[in-house]
Amino acid sequence: MILKFFKICLYLTSFLFLTGFVQIPAVMGPAITIATSGNLAKATAQLVFDYEFKKKTGKSSLNYISEEVSKNNKENQINEDFKNLIEKRVKITHQKLKDQNKIDKEFKLLVEKRVKLTHRKLIQQKISQ
């Protein structure tokens, strides 16, 4: 009985490895599912899902998901670069505004000082008249 089981396993494995008829990854996923969970229905559903997914997209589910993740990472990187560029521009503009306000404050203080001096002179002229 055990010898018969080993022969069947040998024939199946040689069939899988020596012919290009069945892709090994397509069979290994459900085989691992059966081995770990013991649930044949779950493994069959996985195999059917992968087959239909490949039929509709032309890619295996793992390849499709990895491409989507890499595309999202690229988009996130572009968004991050754009965000950094905007932050840099905002900092530069903020610094320019601060510098401009500093100049405006100095100019305002100068004008106020001149107004006070002129006001004093006018008051002194009125008093002297």
N, C-alpha and C. Protein backbone atom coordinates (compact mmCIF):
# COMPACT_ATOMS: atom_id res chain seq x y z
N MET A 1 0.82 -1.19 0.00
CA MET A 1 0.00 0.00 0.00
C MET A 1 0.87 1.26 0.00
N ILE A 2 1.83 1.30 0.88
CA ILE A 2 2.73 2.45 0.95
C ILE A 2 3.55 2.56 -0.33
N LEU A 3 3.97 1.41 -0.85
CA LEU A 3 4.75 1.41 -2.09
C LEU A 3 3.92 1.96 -3.26
N LYS A 4 2.65 1.64 -3.28
CA LYS A 4 1.76 2.14 -4.33
C LYS A 4 1.59 3.66 -4.20
N PHE A 5 1.48 4.13 -2.98
CA PHE A 5 1.36 5.56 -2.73
C PHE A 5 2.61 6.31 -3.21
N PHE A 6 3.79 5.76 -2.91
CA PHE A 6 5.04 6.38 -3.35
C PHE A 6 5.16 6.39 -4.86
N LYS A 7 4.71 5.33 -5.53
CA LYS A 7 4.74 5.29 -7.00
C LYS A 7 3.85 6.38 -7.60
N ILE A 8 2.67 6.52 -7.04
CA ILE A 8 1.75 7.54 -7.53
C ILE A 8 2.35 8.94 -7.32
N CYS A 9 2.92 9.15 -6.15
CA CYS A 9 3.56 10.45 -5.87
C CYS A 9 4.73 10.69 -6.81
N LEU A 10 5.51 9.64 -7.08
CA LEU A 10 6.64 9.77 -7.99
C LEU A 10 6.18 10.11 -9.39
N TYR A 11 5.13 9.45 -9.86
CA TYR A 11 4.60 9.74 -11.19
C TYR A 11 4.06 11.18 -11.28
N LEU A 12 3.34 11.58 -10.27
CA LEU A 12 2.78 12.93 -10.27
C LEU A 12 3.88 14.00 -10.23
N THR A 13 4.86 13.80 -9.37
CA THR A 13 5.93 14.80 -9.29
C THR A 13 6.76 14.81 -10.55
N SER A 14 7.02 13.64 -11.12
CA SER A 14 7.79 13.63 -12.37
C SER A 14 6.98 14.26 -13.49
N PHE A 15 5.67 14.06 -13.48
CA PHE A 15 4.81 14.68 -14.46
C PHE A 15 4.86 16.21 -14.33
N LEU A 16 4.83 16.69 -13.09
CA LEU A 16 4.85 18.14 -12.87
C LEU A 16 6.19 18.75 -13.25
N PHE A 17 7.27 18.10 -12.86
CA PHE A 17 8.59 18.69 -13.06
C PHE A 17 9.16 18.46 -14.46
N LEU A 18 8.82 17.37 -15.08
CA LEU A 18 9.45 17.04 -16.36
C LEU A 18 8.66 17.52 -17.57
N THR A 19 7.41 17.83 -17.40
CA THR A 19 6.65 18.35 -18.53
C THR A 19 6.31 19.80 -18.27
N GLY A 20 6.08 20.55 -19.32
CA GLY A 20 5.70 21.94 -19.17
C GLY A 20 4.20 22.12 -19.18
N PHE A 21 3.48 21.06 -18.92
CA PHE A 21 2.03 21.09 -19.03
C PHE A 21 1.39 21.92 -17.91
N VAL A 22 1.86 21.77 -16.69
CA VAL A 22 1.28 22.46 -15.55
C VAL A 22 2.35 23.35 -14.94
N GLN A 23 2.00 24.59 -14.69
CA GLN A 23 2.94 25.49 -14.04
C GLN A 23 3.05 25.12 -12.57
N ILE A 24 4.26 25.04 -12.11
CA ILE A 24 4.49 24.61 -10.73
C ILE A 24 3.91 25.59 -9.72
N PRO A 25 4.10 26.91 -9.87
CA PRO A 25 3.51 27.82 -8.87
C PRO A 25 1.99 27.74 -8.82
N ALA A 26 1.36 27.43 -9.95
CA ALA A 26 -0.10 27.34 -9.97
C ALA A 26 -0.58 26.15 -9.15
N VAL A 27 0.23 25.13 -9.05
CA VAL A 27 -0.16 23.94 -8.30
C VAL A 27 0.35 24.00 -6.86
N MET A 28 1.46 24.67 -6.65
CA MET A 28 2.07 24.71 -5.32
C MET A 28 1.20 25.47 -4.32
N GLY A 29 0.56 26.58 -4.76
CA GLY A 29 -0.28 27.35 -3.84
C GLY A 29 -1.40 26.52 -3.25
N PRO A 30 -2.24 25.89 -4.08
CA PRO A 30 -3.30 25.05 -3.52
C PRO A 30 -2.75 23.83 -2.76
N ALA A 31 -1.62 23.30 -3.21
CA ALA A 31 -1.04 22.15 -2.49
C ALA A 31 -0.62 22.56 -1.09
N ILE A 32 -0.05 23.74 -0.96
CA ILE A 32 0.33 24.23 0.37
C ILE A 32 -0.90 24.49 1.21
N THR A 33 -1.95 25.03 0.59
CA THR A 33 -3.19 25.27 1.32
C THR A 33 -3.79 23.97 1.84
N ILE A 34 -3.77 22.93 1.00
CA ILE A 34 -4.29 21.63 1.44
C ILE A 34 -3.43 21.08 2.55
N ALA A 35 -2.12 21.21 2.43
CA ALA A 35 -1.22 20.64 3.43
C ALA A 35 -1.35 21.36 4.77
N THR A 36 -1.50 22.68 4.75
CA THR A 36 -1.54 23.41 6.02
C THR A 36 -2.92 23.40 6.66
N SER A 37 -3.97 23.57 5.85
CA SER A 37 -5.30 23.66 6.45
C SER A 37 -6.08 22.35 6.35
N GLY A 38 -5.73 21.53 5.38
CA GLY A 38 -6.47 20.29 5.19
C GLY A 38 -7.82 20.51 4.54
N ASN A 39 -8.04 21.70 4.02
CA ASN A 39 -9.34 22.06 3.46
C ASN A 39 -9.25 22.02 1.93
N LEU A 40 -9.79 20.99 1.34
CA LEU A 40 -9.75 20.82 -0.11
C LEU A 40 -10.62 21.85 -0.82
N ALA A 41 -11.74 22.21 -0.24
CA ALA A 41 -12.64 23.19 -0.86
C ALA A 41 -11.96 24.56 -0.94
N LYS A 42 -11.26 24.92 0.10
CA LYS A 42 -10.56 26.20 0.12
C LYS A 42 -9.47 26.23 -0.95
N ALA A 43 -8.73 25.15 -1.08
CA ALA A 43 -7.67 25.06 -2.09
C ALA A 43 -8.25 25.11 -3.49
N THR A 44 -9.37 24.44 -3.70
CA THR A 44 -10.01 24.45 -5.01
C THR A 44 -10.51 25.85 -5.35
N ALA A 45 -11.10 26.52 -4.38
CA ALA A 45 -11.58 27.88 -4.61
C ALA A 45 -10.41 28.81 -4.95
N GLN A 46 -9.29 28.62 -4.28
CA GLN A 46 -8.11 29.42 -4.56
C GLN A 46 -7.61 29.18 -5.99
N LEU A 47 -7.58 27.94 -6.39
CA LEU A 47 -7.13 27.59 -7.74
C LEU A 47 -8.06 28.17 -8.80
N VAL A 48 -9.36 28.07 -8.57
CA VAL A 48 -10.34 28.61 -9.52
C VAL A 48 -10.23 30.14 -9.58
N PHE A 49 -10.09 30.76 -8.43
CA PHE A 49 -9.96 32.21 -8.39
C PHE A 49 -8.72 32.67 -9.15
N ASP A 50 -7.59 32.02 -8.91
CA ASP A 50 -6.36 32.39 -9.61
C ASP A 50 -6.50 32.19 -11.12
N TYR A 51 -7.15 31.12 -11.52
CA TYR A 51 -7.33 30.85 -12.95
C TYR A 51 -8.20 31.94 -13.59
N GLU A 52 -9.31 32.27 -12.97
CA GLU A 52 -10.22 33.30 -13.51
C GLU A 52 -9.54 34.67 -13.50
N PHE A 53 -8.78 34.95 -12.46
CA PHE A 53 -8.08 36.23 -12.36
C PHE A 53 -7.07 36.37 -13.49
N LYS A 54 -6.33 35.28 -13.74
CA LYS A 54 -5.34 35.32 -14.82
C LYS A 54 -6.03 35.43 -16.17
N LYS A 55 -7.17 34.79 -16.31
CA LYS A 55 -7.91 34.83 -17.57
C LYS A 55 -8.40 36.26 -17.86
N LYS A 56 -8.84 36.98 -16.82
CA LYS A 56 -9.38 38.33 -17.02
C LYS A 56 -8.29 39.38 -17.13
N THR A 57 -7.24 39.28 -16.33
CA THR A 57 -6.21 40.33 -16.32
C THR A 57 -4.97 39.98 -17.14
N GLY A 58 -4.77 38.71 -17.38
CA GLY A 58 -3.56 38.29 -18.10
C GLY A 58 -2.36 38.16 -17.18
N LYS A 59 -2.56 38.39 -15.90
CA LYS A 59 -1.47 38.32 -14.93
C LYS A 59 -1.93 37.45 -13.76
N SER A 60 -0.96 36.87 -13.09
CA SER A 60 -1.32 36.14 -11.89
C SER A 60 -1.67 37.15 -10.80
N SER A 61 -2.39 36.70 -9.80
CA SER A 61 -2.84 37.62 -8.75
C SER A 61 -1.65 38.23 -8.01
N LEU A 62 -0.61 37.45 -7.79
CA LEU A 62 0.57 37.96 -7.09
C LEU A 62 1.27 39.03 -7.92
N ASN A 63 1.43 38.81 -9.22
CA ASN A 63 2.06 39.82 -10.09
C ASN A 63 1.22 41.09 -10.15
N TYR A 64 -0.08 40.92 -10.26
CA TYR A 64 -0.97 42.07 -10.34
C TYR A 64 -0.89 42.92 -9.07
N ILE A 65 -0.94 42.26 -7.93
CA ILE A 65 -0.88 42.97 -6.65
C ILE A 65 0.47 43.66 -6.47
N SER A 66 1.57 42.98 -6.83
CA SER A 66 2.89 43.59 -6.69
C SER A 66 3.04 44.80 -7.61
N GLU A 67 2.48 44.74 -8.82
CA GLU A 67 2.52 45.89 -9.73
C GLU A 67 1.70 47.06 -9.18
N GLU A 68 0.55 46.77 -8.63
CA GLU A 68 -0.28 47.83 -8.06
C GLU A 68 0.41 48.49 -6.87
N VAL A 69 1.05 47.67 -6.03
CA VAL A 69 1.76 48.22 -4.87
C VAL A 69 2.92 49.09 -5.33
N SER A 70 3.67 48.64 -6.34
CA SER A 70 4.79 49.45 -6.82
C SER A 70 4.29 50.73 -7.47
N LYS A 71 3.15 50.67 -8.18
CA LYS A 71 2.58 51.87 -8.78
C LYS A 71 2.16 52.85 -7.69
N ASN A 72 1.54 52.34 -6.63
CA ASN A 72 1.12 53.20 -5.52
C ASN A 72 2.34 53.81 -4.84
N ASN A 73 3.42 53.03 -4.71
CA ASN A 73 4.63 53.55 -4.09
C ASN A 73 5.21 54.68 -4.94
N LYS A 74 5.18 54.51 -6.26
CA LYS A 74 5.69 55.57 -7.15
C LYS A 74 4.83 56.82 -7.00
N GLU A 75 3.50 56.65 -6.96
CA GLU A 75 2.61 57.79 -6.80
C GLU A 75 2.85 58.46 -5.46
N ASN A 76 3.04 57.67 -4.41
CA ASN A 76 3.32 58.24 -3.09
C ASN A 76 4.64 59.00 -3.10
N GLN A 77 5.64 58.47 -3.82
CA GLN A 77 6.93 59.15 -3.91
C GLN A 77 6.77 60.48 -4.64
N ILE A 78 5.99 60.48 -5.72
CA ILE A 78 5.75 61.72 -6.45
C ILE A 78 5.01 62.72 -5.56
N ASN A 79 4.01 62.25 -4.83
CA ASN A 79 3.28 63.12 -3.92
C ASN A 79 4.21 63.66 -2.83
N GLU A 80 5.09 62.83 -2.32
CA GLU A 80 6.03 63.25 -1.29
C GLU A 80 6.99 64.30 -1.84
N ASP A 81 7.49 64.09 -3.06
CA ASP A 81 8.38 65.07 -3.69
C ASP A 81 7.65 66.39 -3.89
N PHE A 82 6.41 66.32 -4.36
CA PHE A 82 5.61 67.53 -4.57
C PHE A 82 5.37 68.26 -3.26
N LYS A 83 5.07 67.50 -2.21
CA LYS A 83 4.85 68.08 -0.89
C LYS A 83 6.11 68.78 -0.40
N ASN A 84 7.27 68.13 -0.57
CA ASN A 84 8.53 68.74 -0.14
C ASN A 84 8.82 70.02 -0.92
N LEU A 85 8.54 70.00 -2.22
CA LEU A 85 8.75 71.19 -3.04
C LEU A 85 7.87 72.34 -2.57
N ILE A 86 6.61 72.05 -2.29
CA ILE A 86 5.70 73.09 -1.83
C ILE A 86 6.14 73.63 -0.48
N GLU A 87 6.53 72.74 0.44
CA GLU A 87 6.99 73.19 1.75
C GLU A 87 8.22 74.09 1.62
N LYS A 88 9.13 73.72 0.73
CA LYS A 88 10.33 74.53 0.52
C LYS A 88 9.96 75.91 -0.01
N ARG A 89 9.05 75.95 -0.99
CA ARG A 89 8.62 77.23 -1.55
C ARG A 89 7.90 78.09 -0.52
N VAL A 90 7.09 77.47 0.33
CA VAL A 90 6.39 78.22 1.37
C VAL A 90 7.39 78.80 2.36
N LYS A 91 8.41 78.05 2.73
CA LYS A 91 9.43 78.56 3.65
C LYS A 91 10.18 79.74 3.04
N ILE A 92 10.53 79.62 1.75
CA ILE A 92 11.23 80.72 1.09
C ILE A 92 10.36 81.97 1.05
N THR A 93 9.08 81.80 0.68
CA THR A 93 8.16 82.93 0.62
C THR A 93 7.95 83.54 2.00
N HIS A 94 7.83 82.69 3.02
CA HIS A 94 7.66 83.17 4.39
C HIS A 94 8.87 84.00 4.83
N GLN A 95 10.06 83.51 4.49
CA GLN A 95 11.27 84.24 4.85
C GLN A 95 11.32 85.59 4.14
N LYS A 96 10.93 85.61 2.87
CA LYS A 96 10.91 86.88 2.12
C LYS A 96 9.92 87.86 2.75
N LEU A 97 8.75 87.35 3.15
CA LEU A 97 7.77 88.22 3.80
C LEU A 97 8.27 88.75 5.14
N LYS A 98 8.95 87.90 5.88
CA LYS A 98 9.52 88.35 7.15
C LYS A 98 10.55 89.45 6.92
N ASP A 99 11.40 89.24 5.92
CA ASP A 99 12.41 90.25 5.61
C ASP A 99 11.75 91.55 5.16
N GLN A 100 10.70 91.42 4.36
CA GLN A 100 9.99 92.60 3.87
C GLN A 100 9.32 93.32 5.04
N ASN A 101 8.72 92.56 5.95
CA ASN A 101 8.08 93.18 7.11
C ASN A 101 9.10 93.87 8.00
N LYS A 102 10.28 93.29 8.08
CA LYS A 102 11.34 93.91 8.87
C LYS A 102 11.71 95.26 8.27
N ILE A 103 11.83 95.30 6.95
CA ILE A 103 12.14 96.55 6.25
C ILE A 103 10.98 97.53 6.44
N ASP A 104 9.75 97.02 6.32
CA ASP A 104 8.58 97.88 6.50
C ASP A 104 8.53 98.44 7.92
N LYS A 105 8.87 97.64 8.91
CA LYS A 105 8.88 98.12 10.30
C LYS A 105 9.93 99.20 10.48
N GLU A 106 11.11 98.95 9.91
CA GLU A 106 12.17 99.95 10.03
C GLU A 106 11.75 101.25 9.35
N PHE A 107 11.13 101.12 8.17
CA PHE A 107 10.66 102.30 7.46
C PHE A 107 9.57 103.01 8.27
N LYS A 108 8.66 102.24 8.86
CA LYS A 108 7.59 102.81 9.68
C LYS A 108 8.17 103.56 10.88
N LEU A 109 9.16 102.95 11.54
CA LEU A 109 9.79 103.62 12.69
C LEU A 109 10.49 104.91 12.25
N LEU A 110 11.13 104.87 11.10
CA LEU A 110 11.80 106.06 10.58
C LEU A 110 10.79 107.16 10.28
N VAL A 111 9.67 106.79 9.64
CA VAL A 111 8.63 107.78 9.33
C VAL A 111 8.05 108.35 10.61
N GLU A 112 7.75 107.49 11.59
CA GLU A 112 7.20 107.97 12.87
C GLU A 112 8.17 108.93 13.55
N LYS A 113 9.44 108.58 13.49
CA LYS A 113 10.45 109.46 14.10
C LYS A 113 10.46 110.82 13.40
N ARG A 114 10.40 110.81 12.07
CA ARG A 114 10.39 112.05 11.31
C ARG A 114 9.12 112.87 11.60
N VAL A 115 8.00 112.19 11.70
CA VAL A 115 6.74 112.87 12.01
C VAL A 115 6.82 113.53 13.37
N LYS A 116 7.36 112.82 14.35
CA LYS A 116 7.50 113.40 15.70
C LYS A 116 8.41 114.63 15.68
N LEU A 117 9.52 114.50 14.97
CA LEU A 117 10.44 115.63 14.89
C LEU A 117 9.78 116.83 14.20
N THR A 118 9.06 116.55 13.11
CA THR A 118 8.37 117.62 12.39
C THR A 118 7.29 118.23 13.26
N HIS A 119 6.57 117.37 13.99
CA HIS A 119 5.53 117.86 14.90
C HIS A 119 6.14 118.77 15.97
N ARG A 120 7.24 118.38 16.53
CA ARG A 120 7.93 119.21 17.53
C ARG A 120 8.34 120.57 16.95
N LYS A 121 8.87 120.51 15.75
CA LYS A 121 9.31 121.75 15.10
C LYS A 121 8.12 122.68 14.87
N LEU A 122 6.99 122.08 14.44
CA LEU A 122 5.80 122.89 14.22
C LEU A 122 5.28 123.49 15.51
N ILE A 123 5.30 122.70 16.56
CA ILE A 123 4.85 123.19 17.86
C ILE A 123 5.79 124.32 18.34
N GLN A 124 7.07 124.14 18.15
CA GLN A 124 8.03 125.18 18.56
C GLN A 124 7.83 126.46 17.73
N GLN A 125 7.52 126.29 16.46
CA GLN A 125 7.30 127.45 15.62
C GLN A 125 6.03 128.19 16.04
N LYS A 126 4.98 127.47 16.44
CA LYS A 126 3.75 128.10 16.90
C LYS A 126 3.99 128.85 18.20
N ILE A 127 4.78 128.23 19.04
CA ILE A 127 5.06 128.86 20.35
C ILE A 127 5.88 130.14 20.12
N SER A 128 6.83 130.09 19.24
CA SER A 128 7.68 131.24 18.99
C SER A 128 6.94 132.35 18.23
N GLN A 129 5.87 132.10 17.56
CA GLN A 129 5.12 133.12 16.84
C GLN A 129 4.33 133.91 17.76
